[in-house]
Protein backbone atom coordinates (compact mmCIF):
# COMPACT_ATOMS: atom_id res chain seq x y z
CA MET A 1 3.37 14.47 22.09
CA ASP A 2 0.34 12.33 21.23
CA THR A 3 1.81 8.88 21.78
CA THR A 4 -1.44 7.10 20.90
CA PHE A 5 -1.66 8.81 17.48
CA LEU A 6 2.02 8.21 16.76
CA LEU A 7 1.80 4.50 17.61
CA GLN A 8 -1.36 4.09 15.51
CA GLU A 9 0.47 5.55 12.52
CA ILE A 10 3.47 3.30 13.16
CA ASP A 11 1.08 0.32 13.23
CA VAL A 12 -0.22 1.35 9.79
CA ILE A 13 3.33 1.49 8.40
CA ILE A 14 4.32 -1.86 9.91
CA ALA A 15 1.11 -3.55 8.71
CA SER A 16 1.49 -2.30 5.14
CA THR A 17 1.65 -5.14 2.63
CA LYS A 18 2.98 -2.79 -0.08
CA LEU A 19 6.23 -1.92 1.68
CA SER A 20 9.36 -4.02 2.09
CA LYS A 21 10.97 -4.29 5.55
CA GLU A 22 13.54 -1.67 4.51
CA GLU A 23 10.82 0.67 3.20
CA LYS A 24 8.92 0.31 6.49
CA LEU A 25 12.04 1.24 8.47
CA GLN A 26 12.61 4.27 6.23
CA ALA A 27 8.96 5.31 6.54
CA ILE A 28 9.23 5.14 10.34
CA CYS A 29 12.35 7.33 10.29
CA ASP A 30 10.67 9.87 8.00
CA PHE A 31 7.45 9.87 10.02
CA LEU A 32 9.10 10.36 13.43
CA GLU A 33 11.42 13.09 12.14
CA SER A 34 8.48 14.97 10.57
CA GLU A 35 6.06 14.57 13.51
CA ILE A 36 8.33 15.31 16.49
CA SER A 37 9.97 18.72 16.22
CA TYR A 38 13.05 17.88 18.29
CA TYR A 39 13.82 14.60 16.46
CA ASP A 40 16.47 15.99 14.11
CA TRP A 41 18.06 12.68 13.08
CA VAL A 42 16.31 9.31 13.22
CA GLY A 43 18.02 6.10 12.21
CA PHE A 44 18.42 2.39 12.67
CA TYR A 45 21.64 0.50 13.32
CA PHE A 46 21.77 -3.30 13.13
CA LYS A 47 24.36 -5.88 14.13
CA ASN A 48 26.67 -6.39 11.16
CA GLY A 49 26.53 -10.15 10.62
CA ASP A 50 28.83 -11.97 13.04
CA LYS A 51 31.02 -8.92 13.59
CA GLU A 52 31.12 -7.06 16.91
CA GLU A 53 29.87 -3.90 15.24
CA LEU A 54 26.75 -2.04 14.17
CA LYS A 55 25.98 -1.01 10.61
CA LEU A 56 23.83 1.97 9.69
CA ALA A 57 20.60 1.05 7.92
CA GLN A 58 17.73 3.43 7.15
CA PHE A 59 17.86 7.00 8.48
CA THR A 60 16.46 10.49 8.03
CA GLY A 61 18.52 13.60 8.63
CA GLU A 62 22.01 14.78 7.78
CA PRO A 63 24.37 12.10 6.44
CA THR A 64 26.77 10.66 9.02
CA ASP A 65 30.30 9.32 8.74
CA HIS A 66 29.38 6.73 11.40
CA VAL A 67 28.22 3.96 9.09
CA ILE A 68 30.03 1.31 11.17
CA ILE A 69 30.19 1.57 14.97
CA PRO A 70 32.24 -0.94 17.00
CA PHE A 71 30.49 -2.49 20.00
CA GLY A 72 31.24 -0.44 23.11
CA LYS A 73 32.09 2.76 21.21
CA GLY A 74 29.76 5.76 21.48
CA ILE A 75 26.20 5.65 22.74
CA CYS A 76 25.04 3.16 20.09
CA GLY A 77 27.99 0.87 20.70
CA GLN A 78 27.36 0.96 24.45
CA VAL A 79 23.69 -0.02 23.95
CA ALA A 80 24.83 -2.95 21.77
CA VAL A 81 26.76 -4.24 24.81
CA SER A 82 24.50 -3.19 27.73
CA ASN A 83 21.16 -4.14 26.09
CA LYS A 84 19.66 -1.14 27.91
CA ASN A 85 18.08 2.13 26.83
CA PHE A 86 20.48 5.06 26.91
CA VAL A 87 19.24 8.65 27.21
CA VAL A 88 21.86 11.39 26.97
CA GLN A 89 20.48 14.84 27.76
CA ASP A 90 23.83 16.58 27.14
CA VAL A 91 26.27 14.86 24.80
CA THR A 92 29.15 17.07 25.97
CA ALA A 93 28.92 15.39 29.37
CA GLN A 94 29.56 11.92 27.89
CA ASP A 95 33.15 10.67 27.74
CA ASN A 96 32.37 7.84 25.30
CA TYR A 97 30.39 9.91 22.80
CA ILE A 98 30.93 9.86 19.03
CA SER A 99 29.96 13.23 17.60
CA CYS A 100 27.68 13.00 14.60
CA GLY A 101 27.76 16.74 14.09
CA TRP A 102 28.25 19.96 16.03
CA LYS A 103 24.47 20.59 16.13
CA VAL A 104 23.70 17.44 18.16
CA LYS A 105 23.01 18.25 21.81
CA SER A 106 21.18 15.13 23.04
CA GLU A 107 20.62 11.53 21.98
CA ILE A 108 18.39 8.58 22.83
CA VAL A 109 19.08 4.99 21.80
CA ILE A 110 16.67 2.08 22.35
CA PRO A 111 17.66 -1.54 21.56
CA ILE A 112 15.55 -3.85 19.40
CA PHE A 113 15.25 -7.44 20.58
CA VAL A 114 14.17 -10.43 18.49
CA ASN A 115 13.81 -13.68 20.44
CA GLY A 116 15.74 -12.15 23.33
CA GLU A 117 18.71 -11.11 21.18
CA ASN A 118 19.72 -7.47 20.70
CA ILE A 119 19.75 -7.21 16.88
CA GLY A 120 19.87 -3.45 16.53
CA GLN A 121 18.55 -0.14 17.73
CA ILE A 122 16.75 3.04 16.95
CA ASP A 123 18.89 6.15 17.43
CA ILE A 124 17.52 9.69 17.73
CA ASP A 125 19.66 12.83 17.78
CA SER A 126 18.32 16.23 18.78
CA HIS A 127 19.73 19.71 18.30
CA THR A 128 18.14 20.59 21.67
CA ALA A 129 19.75 19.67 24.99
CA ASN A 130 17.70 18.11 27.81
CA THR A 131 14.83 17.34 25.47
CA PHE A 132 14.07 13.61 25.88
CA SER A 133 11.53 12.46 28.46
CA ALA A 134 10.02 9.22 29.70
CA LYS A 135 7.40 9.68 26.95
CA ASP A 136 10.09 9.43 24.28
CA GLU A 137 11.55 6.35 25.92
CA HIS A 138 8.09 4.75 26.11
CA LEU A 139 7.20 5.64 22.50
CA LEU A 140 10.47 4.33 21.08
CA GLY A 141 10.33 1.22 23.26
CA CYS A 142 6.87 0.43 21.89
CA ILE A 143 8.07 0.99 18.32
CA CYS A 144 11.01 -1.39 18.88
CA GLU A 145 8.65 -4.05 20.29
CA LYS A 146 6.39 -3.70 17.25
CA LEU A 147 9.38 -3.90 14.89
CA SER A 148 10.63 -7.08 16.55
CA GLU A 149 7.67 -8.86 14.96
CA ILE A 150 8.80 -8.07 11.40
CA LEU A 151 12.59 -8.13 11.70
């Protein structure tokens, strides 16, 4: 994975004056899913107003029934409460996992902070178990930091 190249391309998307915020988020989903072979589903969840839940925003991959996720439920819901990255190398080993499809074997979720508040997250599902590394965590953490400037 060429992290430098990927982050440069993300910078181009974020800096675009022709795209709305929503179009930038969608472009990031599409780009990551197309560039990283084991990123099979890429999406953003954001806090749903004043409710203790997340709402699905832009994504690339198979449609999911999990449009609303209560805080604390599943990997995404746990990140909304813990404010920490969560890497799951084998989803079958997680008690509090919400299945998004039988093909999903691993998942990584990184929170997005704006002014110190967890406003949402990027969620990646992979059809390959034990696939995420520190490089993925670093890449996605950098993307979330960059996004915090436009969200």
